[in-house]
Amino acid sequence: MGRPVVHWEISGKDGAKAQEFYSKLFDWKIDSNNPMTYGLVDTGGGGINGGIMGAPEGVPPYLTFYVQVDDLQAYLDKAESLGGKTLVPPTAIPNIGSFAMFADLDGNTVGLFKE
């Protein structure tokens, strides 16, 4: 059985400006009232919701999607065996789950999520 895409993320040089841009462009509702100023996006439709934020220090802006898996490390290992590279090891998201990230063969960032 295939693994579903469950979240997407846009990181920009200026997270607040990126949130304003996408909110106005697509009429998305964005809630950034949290300590991380991570903008939780409600697309208002039947699609997948996501998040918009400022890129972490030293990380260039990126666009990614998250695939739900049952074992983050096993999928990172599998990605590496196929030529990918781990970017972020399994990391807890308090009260939500955990995530990890890898680069594919062309350097695209792909996220993994586990509830």
N, C-alpha and C. Protein backbone atom coordinates (compact mmCIF):
# COMPACT_ATOMS: atom_id res chain seq x y z
N MET A 1 0.85 -1.16 0.00
CA MET A 1 0.00 0.00 0.00
C MET A 1 0.90 1.24 0.00
N GLY A 2 0.55 2.23 -0.79
CA GLY A 2 1.30 3.48 -0.85
C GLY A 2 1.12 4.31 0.41
N ARG A 3 2.00 5.24 0.61
CA ARG A 3 1.97 6.14 1.77
C ARG A 3 1.38 7.48 1.35
N PRO A 4 0.45 8.04 2.14
CA PRO A 4 -0.22 9.29 1.74
C PRO A 4 0.59 10.54 2.06
N VAL A 5 0.43 11.56 1.23
CA VAL A 5 0.95 12.89 1.54
C VAL A 5 -0.03 13.49 2.54
N VAL A 6 0.50 13.99 3.69
CA VAL A 6 -0.37 14.47 4.76
C VAL A 6 -0.16 15.94 5.13
N HIS A 7 0.86 16.57 4.59
CA HIS A 7 1.15 17.95 4.96
C HIS A 7 2.13 18.51 3.93
N TRP A 8 2.14 19.81 3.78
CA TRP A 8 3.13 20.48 2.94
C TRP A 8 3.65 21.69 3.70
N GLU A 9 4.78 22.22 3.23
CA GLU A 9 5.40 23.31 3.94
C GLU A 9 6.14 24.23 2.97
N ILE A 10 5.99 25.52 3.19
CA ILE A 10 6.73 26.52 2.43
C ILE A 10 7.56 27.30 3.43
N SER A 11 8.85 27.41 3.18
CA SER A 11 9.71 28.22 4.04
C SER A 11 10.31 29.31 3.17
N GLY A 12 10.20 30.54 3.64
CA GLY A 12 10.72 31.68 2.88
C GLY A 12 11.72 32.47 3.67
N LYS A 13 12.38 33.42 3.00
CA LYS A 13 13.35 34.28 3.68
C LYS A 13 12.68 35.07 4.80
N ASP A 14 11.43 35.49 4.56
CA ASP A 14 10.66 36.23 5.56
C ASP A 14 9.32 35.51 5.71
N GLY A 15 9.18 34.76 6.79
CA GLY A 15 7.99 33.94 7.00
C GLY A 15 6.70 34.74 7.01
N ALA A 16 6.70 35.90 7.67
CA ALA A 16 5.49 36.73 7.75
C ALA A 16 5.07 37.22 6.36
N LYS A 17 6.04 37.63 5.55
CA LYS A 17 5.72 38.09 4.19
C LYS A 17 5.20 36.93 3.33
N ALA A 18 5.81 35.77 3.49
CA ALA A 18 5.35 34.60 2.73
C ALA A 18 3.92 34.24 3.13
N GLN A 19 3.62 34.29 4.44
CA GLN A 19 2.27 34.00 4.90
C GLN A 19 1.27 34.99 4.32
N GLU A 20 1.62 36.27 4.32
CA GLU A 20 0.73 37.30 3.77
C GLU A 20 0.52 37.09 2.27
N PHE A 21 1.58 36.78 1.55
CA PHE A 21 1.51 36.55 0.11
C PHE A 21 0.53 35.42 -0.22
N TYR A 22 0.73 34.25 0.40
CA TYR A 22 -0.12 33.10 0.08
C TYR A 22 -1.55 33.27 0.60
N SER A 23 -1.69 33.95 1.73
CA SER A 23 -3.03 34.22 2.25
C SER A 23 -3.83 35.06 1.27
N LYS A 24 -3.21 36.12 0.77
CA LYS A 24 -3.89 37.00 -0.19
C LYS A 24 -4.08 36.33 -1.55
N LEU A 25 -3.09 35.57 -1.98
CA LEU A 25 -3.15 34.92 -3.29
C LEU A 25 -4.27 33.89 -3.37
N PHE A 26 -4.35 33.02 -2.38
CA PHE A 26 -5.30 31.90 -2.43
C PHE A 26 -6.44 31.99 -1.43
N ASP A 27 -6.57 33.09 -0.69
CA ASP A 27 -7.59 33.24 0.34
C ASP A 27 -7.48 32.17 1.42
N TRP A 28 -6.25 31.78 1.75
CA TRP A 28 -6.03 30.80 2.80
C TRP A 28 -6.11 31.49 4.16
N LYS A 29 -6.64 30.78 5.15
CA LYS A 29 -6.63 31.24 6.53
C LYS A 29 -5.33 30.72 7.16
N ILE A 30 -4.54 31.63 7.72
CA ILE A 30 -3.25 31.24 8.29
C ILE A 30 -3.19 31.69 9.74
N ASP A 31 -2.98 30.72 10.63
CA ASP A 31 -2.88 30.98 12.06
C ASP A 31 -1.42 30.87 12.48
N SER A 32 -0.79 32.00 12.76
CA SER A 32 0.61 31.98 13.18
C SER A 32 0.75 32.39 14.65
N ASN A 33 -0.34 32.23 15.39
CA ASN A 33 -0.35 32.59 16.80
C ASN A 33 0.21 31.43 17.63
N ASN A 34 1.53 31.23 17.53
CA ASN A 34 2.20 30.19 18.29
C ASN A 34 3.65 30.62 18.51
N PRO A 35 4.34 30.04 19.45
CA PRO A 35 5.71 30.48 19.77
C PRO A 35 6.68 30.41 18.61
N MET A 36 6.47 29.53 17.65
CA MET A 36 7.40 29.36 16.54
C MET A 36 7.06 30.28 15.36
N THR A 37 5.96 31.00 15.44
CA THR A 37 5.44 31.80 14.31
C THR A 37 5.32 30.94 13.06
N TYR A 38 4.99 29.68 13.28
CA TYR A 38 4.74 28.75 12.18
C TYR A 38 3.30 28.96 11.75
N GLY A 39 3.07 29.36 10.53
CA GLY A 39 1.73 29.63 10.05
C GLY A 39 1.01 28.37 9.63
N LEU A 40 0.06 27.93 10.45
CA LEU A 40 -0.75 26.77 10.09
C LEU A 40 -1.79 27.20 9.07
N VAL A 41 -1.79 26.55 7.91
CA VAL A 41 -2.63 26.97 6.80
C VAL A 41 -3.86 26.08 6.69
N ASP A 42 -5.03 26.71 6.65
CA ASP A 42 -6.30 26.05 6.36
C ASP A 42 -6.68 26.50 4.96
N THR A 43 -6.59 25.59 4.00
CA THR A 43 -6.86 25.95 2.61
C THR A 43 -8.34 26.16 2.33
N GLY A 44 -9.19 25.73 3.27
CA GLY A 44 -10.62 25.96 3.13
C GLY A 44 -11.30 25.07 2.11
N GLY A 45 -10.63 24.06 1.66
CA GLY A 45 -11.21 23.16 0.67
C GLY A 45 -11.01 21.72 1.05
N GLY A 46 -11.10 20.85 0.08
CA GLY A 46 -10.95 19.43 0.33
C GLY A 46 -9.52 18.96 0.21
N GLY A 47 -8.57 19.90 0.06
CA GLY A 47 -7.17 19.53 -0.12
C GLY A 47 -6.43 19.32 1.19
N ILE A 48 -5.14 19.24 1.08
CA ILE A 48 -4.27 19.02 2.22
C ILE A 48 -3.84 20.37 2.77
N ASN A 49 -3.94 20.56 4.07
CA ASN A 49 -3.47 21.78 4.72
C ASN A 49 -1.97 21.71 4.92
N GLY A 50 -1.36 22.85 5.28
CA GLY A 50 0.08 22.88 5.42
C GLY A 50 0.56 23.94 6.36
N GLY A 51 1.77 24.41 6.14
CA GLY A 51 2.37 25.42 6.98
C GLY A 51 3.31 26.31 6.20
N ILE A 52 3.43 27.57 6.67
CA ILE A 52 4.35 28.53 6.06
C ILE A 52 5.15 29.17 7.18
N MET A 53 6.47 29.26 6.97
CA MET A 53 7.36 29.78 8.01
C MET A 53 8.58 30.43 7.39
N GLY A 54 9.35 31.10 8.24
CA GLY A 54 10.65 31.61 7.83
C GLY A 54 11.63 30.46 7.81
N ALA A 55 12.55 30.47 6.84
CA ALA A 55 13.57 29.42 6.77
C ALA A 55 14.47 29.50 8.00
N PRO A 56 14.82 28.35 8.58
CA PRO A 56 15.73 28.37 9.72
C PRO A 56 17.08 28.98 9.33
N GLU A 57 17.79 29.53 10.28
CA GLU A 57 19.10 30.14 10.05
C GLU A 57 20.01 29.17 9.29
N GLY A 58 20.60 29.66 8.22
CA GLY A 58 21.54 28.85 7.44
C GLY A 58 20.89 27.89 6.45
N VAL A 59 19.56 27.87 6.39
CA VAL A 59 18.85 26.97 5.47
C VAL A 59 18.19 27.83 4.39
N PRO A 60 18.42 27.51 3.12
CA PRO A 60 17.76 28.28 2.07
C PRO A 60 16.26 28.01 2.06
N PRO A 61 15.46 28.94 1.54
CA PRO A 61 14.02 28.71 1.43
C PRO A 61 13.75 27.40 0.69
N TYR A 62 12.66 26.74 1.05
CA TYR A 62 12.32 25.47 0.40
C TYR A 62 10.81 25.26 0.39
N LEU A 63 10.40 24.36 -0.45
CA LEU A 63 9.01 23.90 -0.54
C LEU A 63 9.08 22.38 -0.44
N THR A 64 8.28 21.80 0.43
CA THR A 64 8.33 20.35 0.60
C THR A 64 6.95 19.80 0.91
N PHE A 65 6.84 18.50 0.88
CA PHE A 65 5.64 17.81 1.30
C PHE A 65 6.05 16.71 2.26
N TYR A 66 5.10 16.28 3.09
CA TYR A 66 5.36 15.25 4.10
C TYR A 66 4.54 14.01 3.79
N VAL A 67 5.21 12.87 3.85
CA VAL A 67 4.57 11.58 3.62
C VAL A 67 4.46 10.86 4.95
N GLN A 68 3.29 10.32 5.25
CA GLN A 68 3.09 9.60 6.52
C GLN A 68 3.67 8.20 6.40
N VAL A 69 4.51 7.85 7.38
CA VAL A 69 5.14 6.53 7.42
C VAL A 69 5.02 5.97 8.84
N ASP A 70 5.31 4.69 8.99
CA ASP A 70 5.21 4.07 10.31
C ASP A 70 6.55 3.98 11.04
N ASP A 71 7.66 4.23 10.33
CA ASP A 71 8.99 4.13 10.94
C ASP A 71 9.90 5.13 10.24
N LEU A 72 10.13 6.28 10.87
CA LEU A 72 10.92 7.33 10.25
C LEU A 72 12.33 6.87 9.87
N GLN A 73 13.03 6.24 10.80
CA GLN A 73 14.41 5.83 10.53
C GLN A 73 14.49 4.80 9.42
N ALA A 74 13.55 3.89 9.38
CA ALA A 74 13.56 2.88 8.32
C ALA A 74 13.42 3.53 6.95
N TYR A 75 12.58 4.55 6.85
CA TYR A 75 12.41 5.23 5.56
C TYR A 75 13.60 6.12 5.23
N LEU A 76 14.23 6.73 6.23
CA LEU A 76 15.47 7.47 5.97
C LEU A 76 16.55 6.53 5.46
N ASP A 77 16.67 5.36 6.10
CA ASP A 77 17.65 4.37 5.66
C ASP A 77 17.36 3.91 4.23
N LYS A 78 16.09 3.70 3.93
CA LYS A 78 15.71 3.26 2.58
C LYS A 78 16.03 4.36 1.56
N ALA A 79 15.72 5.62 1.91
CA ALA A 79 16.03 6.73 1.01
C ALA A 79 17.54 6.79 0.74
N GLU A 80 18.34 6.64 1.79
CA GLU A 80 19.80 6.67 1.62
C GLU A 80 20.28 5.50 0.77
N SER A 81 19.68 4.33 0.93
CA SER A 81 20.10 3.17 0.13
C SER A 81 19.79 3.36 -1.35
N LEU A 82 18.84 4.26 -1.62
CA LEU A 82 18.46 4.54 -3.00
C LEU A 82 19.18 5.79 -3.55
N GLY A 83 20.05 6.39 -2.75
CA GLY A 83 20.83 7.53 -3.21
C GLY A 83 20.45 8.85 -2.60
N GLY A 84 19.48 8.87 -1.68
CA GLY A 84 19.08 10.10 -1.00
C GLY A 84 20.02 10.42 0.15
N LYS A 85 19.75 11.53 0.84
CA LYS A 85 20.60 11.96 1.95
C LYS A 85 19.72 12.49 3.08
N THR A 86 19.94 12.01 4.29
CA THR A 86 19.19 12.50 5.46
C THR A 86 19.57 13.95 5.73
N LEU A 87 18.56 14.78 5.90
CA LEU A 87 18.76 16.20 6.23
C LEU A 87 18.42 16.48 7.69
N VAL A 88 17.32 15.89 8.17
CA VAL A 88 16.90 16.06 9.56
C VAL A 88 16.56 14.66 10.10
N PRO A 89 17.22 14.23 11.17
CA PRO A 89 16.91 12.92 11.75
C PRO A 89 15.53 12.95 12.41
N PRO A 90 15.02 11.80 12.81
CA PRO A 90 13.73 11.78 13.51
C PRO A 90 13.71 12.78 14.66
N THR A 91 12.68 13.64 14.66
CA THR A 91 12.57 14.73 15.62
C THR A 91 11.13 14.80 16.13
N ALA A 92 10.98 14.86 17.44
CA ALA A 92 9.64 14.91 18.04
C ALA A 92 8.99 16.27 17.84
N ILE A 93 7.68 16.25 17.60
CA ILE A 93 6.83 17.45 17.60
C ILE A 93 5.88 17.23 18.78
N PRO A 94 6.10 17.92 19.90
CA PRO A 94 5.30 17.66 21.09
C PRO A 94 3.78 17.67 20.83
N ASN A 95 3.12 16.67 21.35
CA ASN A 95 1.66 16.50 21.26
C ASN A 95 1.13 16.30 19.84
N ILE A 96 2.02 16.05 18.87
CA ILE A 96 1.57 15.86 17.49
C ILE A 96 2.11 14.56 16.91
N GLY A 97 3.41 14.36 16.98
CA GLY A 97 4.04 13.18 16.39
C GLY A 97 5.53 13.43 16.24
N SER A 98 6.10 13.00 15.13
CA SER A 98 7.51 13.24 14.85
C SER A 98 7.72 13.33 13.35
N PHE A 99 8.86 13.94 12.97
CA PHE A 99 9.14 14.11 11.55
C PHE A 99 10.62 13.90 11.29
N ALA A 100 10.95 13.76 10.03
CA ALA A 100 12.33 13.68 9.55
C ALA A 100 12.32 14.23 8.13
N MET A 101 13.50 14.56 7.60
CA MET A 101 13.57 15.07 6.23
C MET A 101 14.77 14.49 5.53
N PHE A 102 14.63 14.31 4.21
CA PHE A 102 15.75 13.85 3.41
C PHE A 102 15.76 14.59 2.08
N ALA A 103 16.90 14.54 1.40
CA ALA A 103 17.01 15.08 0.05
C ALA A 103 16.94 13.92 -0.92
N ASP A 104 16.19 14.11 -2.00
CA ASP A 104 16.11 13.06 -3.01
C ASP A 104 17.33 13.15 -3.94
N LEU A 105 17.33 12.41 -5.02
CA LEU A 105 18.48 12.36 -5.92
C LEU A 105 18.83 13.71 -6.52
N ASP A 106 17.84 14.61 -6.65
CA ASP A 106 18.08 15.93 -7.24
C ASP A 106 18.20 17.03 -6.20
N GLY A 107 18.23 16.66 -4.93
CA GLY A 107 18.36 17.64 -3.87
C GLY A 107 17.04 18.22 -3.37
N ASN A 108 15.91 17.72 -3.87
CA ASN A 108 14.60 18.18 -3.38
C ASN A 108 14.40 17.70 -1.95
N THR A 109 13.85 18.56 -1.11
CA THR A 109 13.59 18.21 0.29
C THR A 109 12.25 17.51 0.40
N VAL A 110 12.25 16.35 1.05
CA VAL A 110 11.03 15.58 1.26
C VAL A 110 10.92 15.29 2.76
N GLY A 111 9.73 15.50 3.31
CA GLY A 111 9.51 15.26 4.72
C GLY A 111 8.81 13.93 4.96
N LEU A 112 9.07 13.37 6.12
CA LEU A 112 8.39 12.17 6.59
C LEU A 112 7.70 12.52 7.89
N PHE A 113 6.52 11.96 8.11
CA PHE A 113 5.76 12.24 9.33
C PHE A 113 5.24 10.95 9.92
N LYS A 114 5.30 10.87 11.25
CA LYS A 114 4.73 9.73 11.97
C LYS A 114 3.89 10.27 13.11
N GLU A 115 2.65 9.78 13.21
CA GLU A 115 1.78 10.21 14.32
C GLU A 115 2.25 9.60 15.62
